[in-house]
C-alpha cells in the first residue's frame, strides 16, 4: 500500500468497525432513554396510587364535600362567579407552595 491508500479489505473492516461502534452507541442511548422513561413512568404511577389512596379515604370525601359546600355558599353569598374564586384559590395555593418555606411553613409531599 503506497501513497496512503487502503485496499478494499481494509475499507470493509474499517466500515464494519464503525458500524459496530455506531450500533453499540445506539444501544447505550436507547437504554438511557428507556431508563429515563421508566423513572418518569414510575413517578406518575406513584402519584396515581397516592391519589387513588386519597380518594379511597372516607375522611377525604367528607373534607372535600365540606370545602365544596363552603365554596358554594361563599359564591352564592358574594354574588361572584365561581371561576373567579377558583382562580383566587389557585393563586393562593401557588403562593403558599412557592413562599411557604420562606415563612417557615413546609408542605409535606412525601406522604406514603
C-alpha atoms as a PDB file:
ATOM      1  CA  UNK A   1       0.000   0.000   0.000  1.00  0.00           C
ATOM      2  CA  UNK A   2       1.663   3.086  -1.229  1.00  0.00           C
ATOM      3  CA  UNK A   3       0.559   6.723  -1.091  1.00  0.00           C
ATOM      4  CA  UNK A   4      -1.673   6.226   1.990  1.00  0.00           C
ATOM      5  CA  UNK A   5      -4.308   4.311   0.043  1.00  0.00           C
ATOM      6  CA  UNK A   6      -6.017   1.381   1.675  1.00  0.00           C
ATOM      7  CA  UNK A   7      -7.356  -1.678  -0.027  1.00  0.00           C
ATOM      8  CA  UNK A   8     -10.953  -2.890  -0.214  1.00  0.00           C
ATOM      9  CA  UNK A   9     -10.482  -5.389   2.601  1.00  0.00           C
ATOM     10  CA  UNK A  10      -9.215  -2.689   4.956  1.00  0.00           C
ATOM     11  CA  UNK A  11     -12.058  -0.378   3.913  1.00  0.00           C
ATOM     12  CA  UNK A  12     -14.595  -3.112   4.627  1.00  0.00           C
ATOM     13  CA  UNK A  13     -13.020  -3.828   8.029  1.00  0.00           C
ATOM     14  CA  UNK A  14     -12.993  -0.127   8.900  1.00  0.00           C
ATOM     15  CA  UNK A  15     -16.659   0.266   7.884  1.00  0.00           C
ATOM     16  CA  UNK A  16     -17.562  -2.823   9.881  1.00  0.00           C
ATOM     17  CA  UNK A  17     -15.838  -1.427  12.991  1.00  0.00           C
ATOM     18  CA  UNK A  18     -17.578   1.931  12.529  1.00  0.00           C
ATOM     19  CA  UNK A  19     -20.975   0.232  12.189  1.00  0.00           C
ATOM     20  CA  UNK A  20     -20.346  -1.860  15.286  1.00  0.00           C
ATOM     21  CA  UNK A  21     -19.369   1.254  17.218  1.00  0.00           C
ATOM     22  CA  UNK A  22     -22.464   3.111  15.981  1.00  0.00           C
ATOM     23  CA  UNK A  23     -24.657   0.147  16.920  1.00  0.00           C
ATOM     24  CA  UNK A  24     -23.143  -0.004  20.410  1.00  0.00           C
ATOM     25  CA  UNK A  25     -23.665   3.741  20.844  1.00  0.00           C
ATOM     26  CA  UNK A  26     -27.288   3.492  19.693  1.00  0.00           C
ATOM     27  CA  UNK A  27     -27.907   0.661  22.184  1.00  0.00           C
ATOM     28  CA  UNK A  28     -26.459   2.692  25.050  1.00  0.00           C
ATOM     29  CA  UNK A  29     -28.565   5.732  24.113  1.00  0.00           C
ATOM     30  CA  UNK A  30     -31.713   3.606  23.817  1.00  0.00           C
ATOM     31  CA  UNK A  31     -31.050   2.045  27.230  1.00  0.00           C
ATOM     32  CA  UNK A  32     -30.547   5.511  28.755  1.00  0.00           C
ATOM     33  CA  UNK A  33     -33.762   6.801  27.192  1.00  0.00           C
ATOM     34  CA  UNK A  34     -35.632   3.734  28.459  1.00  0.00           C
ATOM     35  CA  UNK A  35     -34.300   4.233  31.991  1.00  0.00           C
ATOM     36  CA  UNK A  36     -35.356   7.892  31.910  1.00  0.00           C
ATOM     37  CA  UNK A  37     -38.817   6.986  30.652  1.00  0.00           C
ATOM     38  CA  UNK A  38     -39.160   4.223  33.238  1.00  0.00           C
ATOM     39  CA  UNK A  39     -38.264   6.669  36.013  1.00  0.00           C
ATOM     40  CA  UNK A  40     -40.884   9.198  34.985  1.00  0.00           C
ATOM     41  CA  UNK A  41     -43.445   6.437  34.485  1.00  0.00           C
ATOM     42  CA  UNK A  42     -42.761   5.179  37.998  1.00  0.00           C
ATOM     43  CA  UNK A  43     -43.232   8.699  39.356  1.00  0.00           C
ATOM     44  CA  UNK A  44     -46.579   9.017  37.548  1.00  0.00           C
ATOM     45  CA  UNK A  45     -47.681   5.600  38.809  1.00  0.00           C
ATOM     46  CA  UNK A  46     -46.748   6.554  42.384  1.00  0.00           C
ATOM     47  CA  UNK A  47     -48.764   9.764  42.093  1.00  0.00           C
ATOM     48  CA  UNK A  48     -51.730   7.826  40.719  1.00  0.00           C
ATOM     49  CA  UNK A  49     -51.546   5.387  43.640  1.00  0.00           C
ATOM     50  CA  UNK A  50     -51.408   8.294  46.091  1.00  0.00           C
ATOM     51  CA  UNK A  51     -54.470   9.896  44.514  1.00  0.00           C
ATOM     52  CA  UNK A  52     -56.269   6.561  44.490  1.00  0.00           C
ATOM     53  CA  UNK A  53     -55.493   6.014  48.176  1.00  0.00           C
ATOM     54  CA  UNK A  54     -56.567   9.564  48.945  1.00  0.00           C
ATOM     55  CA  UNK A  55     -59.854   9.149  47.076  1.00  0.00           C
ATOM     56  CA  UNK A  56     -60.475   5.856  48.863  1.00  0.00           C
ATOM     57  CA  UNK A  57     -60.423   7.576  52.236  1.00  0.00           C
ATOM     58  CA  UNK A  58     -63.846   8.485  53.647  1.00  0.00           C
ATOM     59  CA  UNK A  59     -62.254  11.375  55.551  1.00  0.00           C
ATOM     60  CA  UNK A  60     -61.099  12.898  52.246  1.00  0.00           C
ATOM     61  CA  UNK A  61     -64.635  12.686  50.885  1.00  0.00           C
ATOM     62  CA  UNK A  62     -66.048  14.369  53.979  1.00  0.00           C
ATOM     63  CA  UNK A  63     -63.448  17.151  53.896  1.00  0.00           C
ATOM     64  CA  UNK A  64     -63.886  17.618  50.139  1.00  0.00           C
ATOM     65  CA  UNK A  65     -67.650  17.820  50.490  1.00  0.00           C
ATOM     66  CA  UNK A  66     -67.319  20.351  53.310  1.00  0.00           C
ATOM     67  CA  UNK A  67     -64.913  22.517  51.310  1.00  0.00           C
ATOM     68  CA  UNK A  68     -67.139  22.285  48.230  1.00  0.00           C
ATOM     69  CA  UNK A  69     -70.192  23.270  50.241  1.00  0.00           C
ATOM     70  CA  UNK A  70     -68.305  26.161  51.802  1.00  0.00           C
ATOM     71  CA  UNK A  71     -67.166  27.397  48.394  1.00  0.00           C
ATOM     72  CA  UNK A  72     -70.698  27.096  47.030  1.00  0.00           C
ATOM     73  CA  UNK A  73     -72.100  29.031  49.967  1.00  0.00           C
ATOM     74  CA  UNK A  74     -69.434  31.750  49.668  1.00  0.00           C
ATOM     75  CA  UNK A  75     -70.036  32.053  45.945  1.00  0.00           C
ATOM     76  CA  UNK A  76     -73.747  32.470  46.335  1.00  0.00           C
ATOM     77  CA  UNK A  77     -73.483  34.911  49.217  1.00  0.00           C
ATOM     78  CA  UNK A  78     -70.982  37.206  47.490  1.00  0.00           C
ATOM     79  CA  UNK A  79     -72.581  37.022  44.057  1.00  0.00           C
ATOM     80  CA  UNK A  80     -69.225  36.414  42.349  1.00  0.00           C
ATOM     81  CA  UNK A  81     -68.625  33.902  39.614  1.00  0.00           C
ATOM     82  CA  UNK A  82     -67.261  30.570  40.884  1.00  0.00           C
ATOM     83  CA  UNK A  83     -64.413  30.731  38.359  1.00  0.00           C
ATOM     84  CA  UNK A  84     -63.123  33.948  39.919  1.00  0.00           C
ATOM     85  CA  UNK A  85     -62.991  32.398  43.380  1.00  0.00           C
ATOM     86  CA  UNK A  86     -61.344  29.281  41.986  1.00  0.00           C
ATOM     87  CA  UNK A  87     -58.686  31.466  40.355  1.00  0.00           C
ATOM     88  CA  UNK A  88     -58.058  33.236  43.654  1.00  0.00           C
ATOM     89  CA  UNK A  89     -57.870  29.904  45.428  1.00  0.00           C
ATOM     90  CA  UNK A  90     -55.413  28.594  42.848  1.00  0.00           C
ATOM     91  CA  UNK A  91     -53.292  31.743  43.145  1.00  0.00           C
ATOM     92  CA  UNK A  92     -53.255  31.405  46.951  1.00  0.00           C
ATOM     93  CA  UNK A  93     -52.194  27.767  46.625  1.00  0.00           C
ATOM     94  CA  UNK A  94     -49.343  28.690  44.268  1.00  0.00           C
ATOM     95  CA  UNK A  95     -48.145  31.431  46.623  1.00  0.00           C
ATOM     96  CA  UNK A  96     -48.306  29.005  49.541  1.00  0.00           C
ATOM     97  CA  UNK A  97     -46.230  26.434  47.659  1.00  0.00           C
ATOM     98  CA  UNK A  98     -43.632  28.937  46.487  1.00  0.00           C
ATOM     99  CA  UNK A  99     -43.210  31.151  49.530  1.00  0.00           C
ATOM    100  CA  UNK A 100     -44.370  28.950  52.394  1.00  0.00           C
ATOM    101  CA  UNK A 101     -40.791  27.820  53.039  1.00  0.00           C
ATOM    102  CA  UNK A 102     -39.721  31.440  53.464  1.00  0.00           C
ATOM    103  CA  UNK A 103     -42.385  31.807  56.120  1.00  0.00           C
ATOM    104  CA  UNK A 104     -41.175  28.677  57.912  1.00  0.00           C
ATOM    105  CA  UNK A 105     -44.039  26.504  56.723  1.00  0.00           C
ATOM    106  CA  UNK A 106     -43.334  23.278  54.872  1.00  0.00           C
ATOM    107  CA  UNK A 107     -45.961  21.307  52.997  1.00  0.00           C
ATOM    108  CA  UNK A 108     -45.264  17.595  53.191  1.00  0.00           C
ATOM    109  CA  UNK A 109     -45.237  15.953  49.767  1.00  0.00           C
ATOM    110  CA  UNK A 110     -43.541  12.715  50.779  1.00  0.00           C
ATOM    111  CA  UNK A 111     -46.585  11.043  52.262  1.00  0.00           C
ATOM    112  CA  UNK A 112     -46.960   7.365  51.526  1.00  0.00           C
END
